[in-house]
Amino acid sequence: MLFKSKELKEIKTSIRDIESQFSSFYSTKYYAGNSELALLIAIPSCDFDECFLGEFLVNLEDGRKVQLQTIAFRFLI
């Protein structure tokens, strides 16, 4: 998944916060370099697809929950 850092700042979260919500269940890795922020989540095959992953709720600092698909800029397979 790719994220825009400006959009994450606007909703008061970070790629690290999002990654931490998945890392206890799946193998994850995030990249926060000079371009878009990227989060890789290794999901065992046949568990679910990127559409289902996009429906996961992400907790924000202010207590709100948003679907991952509303804050991710792009899902990659």
PDB file of N, CA and C in Angstrom:
ATOM      1  N   MET A   1       0.837  -1.157   0.000  1.00  0.00           N
ATOM      2  CA  MET A   1       0.000   0.000   0.000  1.00  0.00           C
ATOM      3  C   MET A   1       0.886   1.224   0.000  1.00  0.00           C
ATOM      4  N   LEU A   2       0.429   2.244  -0.684  1.00  0.00           N
ATOM      5  CA  LEU A   2       1.138   3.515  -0.698  1.00  0.00           C
ATOM      6  C   LEU A   2       0.289   4.568  -0.012  1.00  0.00           C
ATOM      7  N   PHE A   3       0.963   5.463   0.680  1.00  0.00           N
ATOM      8  CA  PHE A   3       0.293   6.538   1.407  1.00  0.00           C
ATOM      9  C   PHE A   3       0.977   7.856   1.107  1.00  0.00           C
ATOM     10  N   LYS A   4       0.259   8.939   1.228  1.00  0.00           N
ATOM     11  CA  LYS A   4       0.816  10.282   1.110  1.00  0.00           C
ATOM     12  C   LYS A   4       1.037  10.822   2.516  1.00  0.00           C
ATOM     13  N   SER A   5       2.252  11.262   2.802  1.00  0.00           N
ATOM     14  CA  SER A   5       2.565  11.724   4.156  1.00  0.00           C
ATOM     15  C   SER A   5       1.718  12.929   4.560  1.00  0.00           C
ATOM     16  N   LYS A   6       1.419  13.811   3.625  1.00  0.00           N
ATOM     17  CA  LYS A   6       0.602  14.983   3.927  1.00  0.00           C
ATOM     18  C   LYS A   6      -0.801  14.570   4.390  1.00  0.00           C
ATOM     19  N   GLU A   7      -1.371  13.581   3.722  1.00  0.00           N
ATOM     20  CA  GLU A   7      -2.709  13.119   4.098  1.00  0.00           C
ATOM     21  C   GLU A   7      -2.703  12.434   5.465  1.00  0.00           C
ATOM     22  N   LEU A   8      -1.648  11.685   5.766  1.00  0.00           N
ATOM     23  CA  LEU A   8      -1.563  11.042   7.078  1.00  0.00           C
ATOM     24  C   LEU A   8      -1.417  12.084   8.182  1.00  0.00           C
ATOM     25  N   LYS A   9      -0.665  13.136   7.911  1.00  0.00           N
ATOM     26  CA  LYS A   9      -0.521  14.213   8.904  1.00  0.00           C
ATOM     27  C   LYS A   9      -1.851  14.903   9.154  1.00  0.00           C
ATOM     28  N   GLU A  10      -2.641  15.082   8.099  1.00  0.00           N
ATOM     29  CA  GLU A  10      -3.936  15.743   8.236  1.00  0.00           C
ATOM     30  C   GLU A  10      -4.883  14.960   9.149  1.00  0.00           C
ATOM     31  N   ILE A  11      -4.801  13.650   9.104  1.00  0.00           N
ATOM     32  CA  ILE A  11      -5.677  12.848   9.972  1.00  0.00           C
ATOM     33  C   ILE A  11      -4.950  12.419  11.247  1.00  0.00           C
ATOM     34  N   LYS A  12      -3.780  12.964  11.459  1.00  0.00           N
ATOM     35  CA  LYS A  12      -2.997  12.763  12.688  1.00  0.00           C
ATOM     36  C   LYS A  12      -2.659  11.304  12.954  1.00  0.00           C
ATOM     37  N   THR A  13      -2.048  10.671  11.946  1.00  0.00           N
ATOM     38  CA  THR A  13      -1.515   9.317  12.107  1.00  0.00           C
ATOM     39  C   THR A  13      -0.219   9.220  11.317  1.00  0.00           C
ATOM     40  N   SER A  14       0.439   8.096  11.411  1.00  0.00           N
ATOM     41  CA  SER A  14       1.699   7.904  10.686  1.00  0.00           C
ATOM     42  C   SER A  14       1.749   6.492  10.128  1.00  0.00           C
ATOM     43  N   ILE A  15       2.662   6.281   9.201  1.00  0.00           N
ATOM     44  CA  ILE A  15       2.842   4.956   8.627  1.00  0.00           C
ATOM     45  C   ILE A  15       3.248   3.961   9.713  1.00  0.00           C
ATOM     46  N   ARG A  16       4.013   4.412  10.669  1.00  0.00           N
ATOM     47  CA  ARG A  16       4.443   3.554  11.788  1.00  0.00           C
ATOM     48  C   ARG A  16       3.247   3.131  12.638  1.00  0.00           C
ATOM     49  N   ASP A  17       2.326   4.051  12.895  1.00  0.00           N
ATOM     50  CA  ASP A  17       1.120   3.718  13.669  1.00  0.00           C
ATOM     51  C   ASP A  17       0.245   2.703  12.934  1.00  0.00           C
ATOM     52  N   ILE A  18       0.100   2.892  11.638  1.00  0.00           N
ATOM     53  CA  ILE A  18      -0.709   1.964  10.842  1.00  0.00           C
ATOM     54  C   ILE A  18      -0.045   0.591  10.815  1.00  0.00           C
ATOM     55  N   GLU A  19       1.250   0.560  10.599  1.00  0.00           N
ATOM     56  CA  GLU A  19       1.989  -0.702  10.550  1.00  0.00           C
ATOM     57  C   GLU A  19       1.865  -1.456  11.871  1.00  0.00           C
ATOM     58  N   SER A  20       1.913  -0.762  12.981  1.00  0.00           N
ATOM     59  CA  SER A  20       1.852  -1.420  14.286  1.00  0.00           C
ATOM     60  C   SER A  20       0.516  -2.117  14.513  1.00  0.00           C
ATOM     61  N   GLN A  21      -0.530  -1.683  13.836  1.00  0.00           N
ATOM     62  CA  GLN A  21      -1.846  -2.303  13.994  1.00  0.00           C
ATOM     63  C   GLN A  21      -1.950  -3.639  13.255  1.00  0.00           C
ATOM     64  N   PHE A  22      -1.006  -3.903  12.345  1.00  0.00           N
ATOM     65  CA  PHE A  22      -1.007  -5.152  11.586  1.00  0.00           C
ATOM     66  C   PHE A  22       0.136  -6.077  11.965  1.00  0.00           C
ATOM     67  N   SER A  23       1.190  -5.544  12.561  1.00  0.00           N
ATOM     68  CA  SER A  23       2.417  -6.317  12.779  1.00  0.00           C
ATOM     69  C   SER A  23       2.272  -7.469  13.766  1.00  0.00           C
ATOM     70  N   SER A  24       1.306  -7.424  14.639  1.00  0.00           N
ATOM     71  CA  SER A  24       1.150  -8.539  15.577  1.00  0.00           C
ATOM     72  C   SER A  24       0.448  -9.738  14.924  1.00  0.00           C
ATOM     73  N   PHE A  25      -0.154  -9.529  13.747  1.00  0.00           N
ATOM     74  CA  PHE A  25      -0.858 -10.607  13.061  1.00  0.00           C
ATOM     75  C   PHE A  25      -0.151 -11.075  11.790  1.00  0.00           C
ATOM     76  N   TYR A  26       0.547 -10.152  11.125  1.00  0.00           N
ATOM     77  CA  TYR A  26       1.182 -10.444   9.839  1.00  0.00           C
ATOM     78  C   TYR A  26       2.610  -9.906   9.825  1.00  0.00           C
ATOM     79  N   SER A  27       3.386 -10.444   8.922  1.00  0.00           N
ATOM     80  CA  SER A  27       4.735  -9.928   8.707  1.00  0.00           C
ATOM     81  C   SER A  27       4.601  -8.606   7.948  1.00  0.00           C
ATOM     82  N   THR A  28       5.156  -7.541   8.491  1.00  0.00           N
ATOM     83  CA  THR A  28       5.009  -6.215   7.885  1.00  0.00           C
ATOM     84  C   THR A  28       6.354  -5.526   7.745  1.00  0.00           C
ATOM     85  N   LYS A  29       6.391  -4.546   6.879  1.00  0.00           N
ATOM     86  CA  LYS A  29       7.572  -3.705   6.701  1.00  0.00           C
ATOM     87  C   LYS A  29       7.092  -2.380   6.122  1.00  0.00           C
ATOM     88  N   TYR A  30       7.565  -1.288   6.684  1.00  0.00           N
ATOM     89  CA  TYR A  30       7.183   0.000   6.111  1.00  0.00           C
ATOM     90  C   TYR A  30       8.427   0.741   5.645  1.00  0.00           C
ATOM     91  N   TYR A  31       8.236   1.596   4.665  1.00  0.00           N
ATOM     92  CA  TYR A  31       9.305   2.406   4.093  1.00  0.00           C
ATOM     93  C   TYR A  31       8.853   3.857   4.109  1.00  0.00           C
ATOM     94  N   ALA A  32       9.686   4.695   4.658  1.00  0.00           N
ATOM     95  CA  ALA A  32       9.372   6.119   4.749  1.00  0.00           C
ATOM     96  C   ALA A  32      10.543   6.913   4.183  1.00  0.00           C
ATOM     97  N   GLY A  33      10.785   6.761   2.898  1.00  0.00           N
ATOM     98  CA  GLY A  33      11.902   7.430   2.255  1.00  0.00           C
ATOM     99  C   GLY A  33      11.522   8.781   1.700  1.00  0.00           C
ATOM    100  N   ASN A  34      12.118   9.115   0.569  1.00  0.00           N
ATOM    101  CA  ASN A  34      11.903  10.422  -0.047  1.00  0.00           C
ATOM    102  C   ASN A  34      10.666  10.480  -0.933  1.00  0.00           C
ATOM    103  N   SER A  35      10.048   9.363  -1.213  1.00  0.00           N
ATOM    104  CA  SER A  35       8.849   9.374  -2.057  1.00  0.00           C
ATOM    105  C   SER A  35       7.642   9.000  -1.206  1.00  0.00           C
ATOM    106  N   GLU A  36       6.635   8.380  -1.820  1.00  0.00           N
ATOM    107  CA  GLU A  36       5.453   7.988  -1.061  1.00  0.00           C
ATOM    108  C   GLU A  36       5.821   6.993   0.031  1.00  0.00           C
ATOM    109  N   LEU A  37       5.048   7.000   1.079  1.00  0.00           N
ATOM    110  CA  LEU A  37       5.223   6.039   2.163  1.00  0.00           C
ATOM    111  C   LEU A  37       4.641   4.703   1.717  1.00  0.00           C
ATOM    112  N   ALA A  38       5.335   3.620   2.032  1.00  0.00           N
ATOM    113  CA  ALA A  38       4.874   2.294   1.618  1.00  0.00           C
ATOM    114  C   ALA A  38       4.781   1.370   2.819  1.00  0.00           C
ATOM    115  N   LEU A  39       3.740   0.554   2.821  1.00  0.00           N
ATOM    116  CA  LEU A  39       3.551  -0.464   3.847  1.00  0.00           C
ATOM    117  C   LEU A  39       3.332  -1.792   3.144  1.00  0.00           C
ATOM    118  N   LEU A  40       4.192  -2.754   3.446  1.00  0.00           N
ATOM    119  CA  LEU A  40       4.057  -4.096   2.893  1.00  0.00           C
ATOM    120  C   LEU A  40       3.527  -5.008   3.982  1.00  0.00           C
ATOM    121  N   ILE A  41       2.497  -5.770   3.653  1.00  0.00           N
ATOM    122  CA  ILE A  41       1.920  -6.729   4.580  1.00  0.00           C
ATOM    123  C   ILE A  41       1.912  -8.084   3.882  1.00  0.00           C
ATOM    124  N   ALA A  42       2.633  -9.049   4.462  1.00  0.00           N
ATOM    125  CA  ALA A  42       2.675 -10.399   3.891  1.00  0.00           C
ATOM    126  C   ALA A  42       1.510 -11.196   4.464  1.00  0.00           C
ATOM    127  N   ILE A  43       0.550 -11.492   3.603  1.00  0.00           N
ATOM    128  CA  ILE A  43      -0.648 -12.219   4.007  1.00  0.00           C
ATOM    129  C   ILE A  43      -0.584 -13.602   3.375  1.00  0.00           C
ATOM    130  N   PRO A  44      -0.730 -14.656   4.177  1.00  0.00           N
ATOM    131  CA  PRO A  44      -0.714 -16.008   3.603  1.00  0.00           C
ATOM    132  C   PRO A  44      -1.733 -16.122   2.467  1.00  0.00           C
ATOM    133  N   SER A  45      -1.356 -16.808   1.423  1.00  0.00           N
ATOM    134  CA  SER A  45      -2.241 -16.925   0.263  1.00  0.00           C
ATOM    135  C   SER A  45      -3.585 -17.520   0.645  1.00  0.00           C
ATOM    136  N   CYS A  46      -4.598 -17.088  -0.046  1.00  0.00           N
ATOM    137  CA  CYS A  46      -5.981 -17.544   0.109  1.00  0.00           C
ATOM    138  C   CYS A  46      -6.671 -17.037   1.371  1.00  0.00           C
ATOM    139  N   ASP A  47      -6.007 -16.271   2.221  1.00  0.00           N
ATOM    140  CA  ASP A  47      -6.705 -15.729   3.386  1.00  0.00           C
ATOM    141  C   ASP A  47      -7.730 -14.690   2.943  1.00  0.00           C
ATOM    142  N   PHE A  48      -7.288 -13.694   2.195  1.00  0.00           N
ATOM    143  CA  PHE A  48      -8.166 -12.680   1.630  1.00  0.00           C
ATOM    144  C   PHE A  48      -7.397 -11.854   0.622  1.00  0.00           C
ATOM    145  N   ASP A  49      -8.094 -10.980  -0.087  1.00  0.00           N
ATOM    146  CA  ASP A  49      -7.450 -10.180  -1.125  1.00  0.00           C
ATOM    147  C   ASP A  49      -7.340  -8.719  -0.695  1.00  0.00           C
ATOM    148  N   GLU A  50      -6.804  -7.879  -1.586  1.00  0.00           N
ATOM    149  CA  GLU A  50      -6.593  -6.468  -1.251  1.00  0.00           C
ATOM    150  C   GLU A  50      -7.896  -5.718  -1.031  1.00  0.00           C
ATOM    151  N   CYS A  51      -8.983  -6.150  -1.656  1.00  0.00           N
ATOM    152  CA  CYS A  51     -10.277  -5.496  -1.428  1.00  0.00           C
ATOM    153  C   CYS A  51     -10.739  -5.713   0.015  1.00  0.00           C
ATOM    154  N   PHE A  52     -10.576  -6.928   0.501  1.00  0.00           N
ATOM    155  CA  PHE A  52     -10.951  -7.233   1.878  1.00  0.00           C
ATOM    156  C   PHE A  52     -10.028  -6.493   2.847  1.00  0.00           C
ATOM    157  N   LEU A  53      -8.740  -6.442   2.541  1.00  0.00           N
ATOM    158  CA  LEU A  53      -7.781  -5.727   3.379  1.00  0.00           C
ATOM    159  C   LEU A  53      -8.149  -4.249   3.475  1.00  0.00           C
ATOM    160  N   GLY A  54      -8.614  -3.670   2.393  1.00  0.00           N
ATOM    161  CA  GLY A  54      -9.006  -2.269   2.377  1.00  0.00           C
ATOM    162  C   GLY A  54     -10.149  -1.937   3.308  1.00  0.00           C
ATOM    163  N   GLU A  55     -10.931  -2.946   3.679  1.00  0.00           N
ATOM    164  CA  GLU A  55     -12.057  -2.733   4.584  1.00  0.00           C
ATOM    165  C   GLU A  55     -11.661  -2.764   6.062  1.00  0.00           C
ATOM    166  N   PHE A  56     -10.414  -3.136   6.348  1.00  0.00           N
ATOM    167  CA  PHE A  56      -9.958  -3.153   7.746  1.00  0.00           C
ATOM    168  C   PHE A  56     -10.032  -1.749   8.321  1.00  0.00           C
ATOM    169  N   LEU A  57     -10.389  -1.670   9.596  1.00  0.00           N
ATOM    170  CA  LEU A  57     -10.449  -0.384  10.275  1.00  0.00           C
ATOM    171  C   LEU A  57      -9.109  -0.070  10.917  1.00  0.00           C
ATOM    172  N   VAL A  58      -8.679   1.164  10.752  1.00  0.00           N
ATOM    173  CA  VAL A  58      -7.427   1.641  11.342  1.00  0.00           C
ATOM    174  C   VAL A  58      -7.796   2.638  12.431  1.00  0.00           C
ATOM    175  N   ASN A  59      -7.202   2.474  13.601  1.00  0.00           N
ATOM    176  CA  ASN A  59      -7.441   3.387  14.718  1.00  0.00           C
ATOM    177  C   ASN A  59      -6.577   4.631  14.576  1.00  0.00           C
ATOM    178  N   LEU A  60      -7.194   5.791  14.712  1.00  0.00           N
ATOM    179  CA  LEU A  60      -6.464   7.047  14.678  1.00  0.00           C
ATOM    180  C   LEU A  60      -6.225   7.536  16.098  1.00  0.00           C
ATOM    181  N   GLU A  61      -5.296   8.462  16.259  1.00  0.00           N
ATOM    182  CA  GLU A  61      -4.937   8.960  17.590  1.00  0.00           C
ATOM    183  C   GLU A  61      -6.109   9.575  18.337  1.00  0.00           C
ATOM    184  N   ASP A  62      -7.030  10.209  17.624  1.00  0.00           N
ATOM    185  CA  ASP A  62      -8.144  10.883  18.280  1.00  0.00           C
ATOM    186  C   ASP A  62      -9.310   9.948  18.598  1.00  0.00           C
ATOM    187  N   GLY A  63      -9.095   8.628  18.423  1.00  0.00           N
ATOM    188  CA  GLY A  63     -10.129   7.660  18.745  1.00  0.00           C
ATOM    189  C   GLY A  63     -11.012   7.269  17.573  1.00  0.00           C
ATOM    190  N   ARG A  64     -10.925   8.002  16.474  1.00  0.00           N
ATOM    191  CA  ARG A  64     -11.724   7.654  15.293  1.00  0.00           C
ATOM    192  C   ARG A  64     -11.159   6.402  14.646  1.00  0.00           C
ATOM    193  N   LYS A  65     -11.996   5.754  13.844  1.00  0.00           N
ATOM    194  CA  LYS A  65     -11.594   4.598  13.053  1.00  0.00           C
ATOM    195  C   LYS A  65     -11.953   4.887  11.608  1.00  0.00           C
ATOM    196  N   VAL A  66     -11.034   4.583  10.711  1.00  0.00           N
ATOM    197  CA  VAL A  66     -11.297   4.761   9.285  1.00  0.00           C
ATOM    198  C   VAL A  66     -10.890   3.494   8.554  1.00  0.00           C
ATOM    199  N   GLN A  67     -11.559   3.243   7.440  1.00  0.00           N
ATOM    200  CA  GLN A  67     -11.184   2.089   6.628  1.00  0.00           C
ATOM    201  C   GLN A  67      -9.838   2.371   5.968  1.00  0.00           C
ATOM    202  N   LEU A  68      -9.037   1.335   5.883  1.00  0.00           N
ATOM    203  CA  LEU A  68      -7.711   1.453   5.289  1.00  0.00           C
ATOM    204  C   LEU A  68      -7.794   1.995   3.858  1.00  0.00           C
ATOM    205  N   GLN A  69      -8.800   1.599   3.114  1.00  0.00           N
ATOM    206  CA  GLN A  69      -8.936   2.037   1.727  1.00  0.00           C
ATOM    207  C   GLN A  69      -9.186   3.542   1.595  1.00  0.00           C
ATOM    208  N   THR A  70      -9.645   4.193   2.654  1.00  0.00           N
ATOM    209  CA  THR A  70      -9.881   5.634   2.561  1.00  0.00           C
ATOM    210  C   THR A  70      -8.611   6.443   2.787  1.00  0.00           C
ATOM    211  N   ILE A  71      -7.589   5.824   3.397  1.00  0.00           N
ATOM    212  CA  ILE A  71      -6.351   6.571   3.635  1.00  0.00           C
ATOM    213  C   ILE A  71      -5.186   6.074   2.787  1.00  0.00           C
ATOM    214  N   ALA A  72      -5.299   4.867   2.226  1.00  0.00           N
ATOM    215  CA  ALA A  72      -4.237   4.361   1.349  1.00  0.00           C
ATOM    216  C   ALA A  72      -4.414   4.984  -0.029  1.00  0.00           C
ATOM    217  N   PHE A  73      -3.327   5.418  -0.580  1.00  0.00           N
ATOM    218  CA  PHE A  73      -3.330   6.053  -1.895  1.00  0.00           C
ATOM    219  C   PHE A  73      -3.448   4.986  -2.984  1.00  0.00           C
ATOM    220  N   ARG A  74      -2.798   3.843  -2.790  1.00  0.00           N
ATOM    221  CA  ARG A  74      -2.860   2.771  -3.782  1.00  0.00           C
ATOM    222  C   ARG A  74      -2.548   1.435  -3.113  1.00  0.00           C
ATOM    223  N   PHE A  75      -3.271   0.398  -3.551  1.00  0.00           N
ATOM    224  CA  PHE A  75      -3.015  -0.969  -3.095  1.00  0.00           C
ATOM    225  C   PHE A  75      -2.263  -1.688  -4.208  1.00  0.00           C
ATOM    226  N   LEU A  76      -1.203  -2.382  -3.847  1.00  0.00           N
ATOM    227  CA  LEU A  76      -0.430  -3.151  -4.811  1.00  0.00           C
ATOM    228  C   LEU A  76      -0.490  -4.619  -4.444  1.00  0.00           C
ATOM    229  N   ILE A  77      -0.493  -5.454  -5.435  1.00  0.00           N
ATOM    230  CA  ILE A  77      -0.532  -6.912  -5.187  1.00  0.00           C
ATOM    231  C   ILE A  77       0.870  -7.463  -5.308  1.00  0.00           C
TER     232      ILE A  77
END
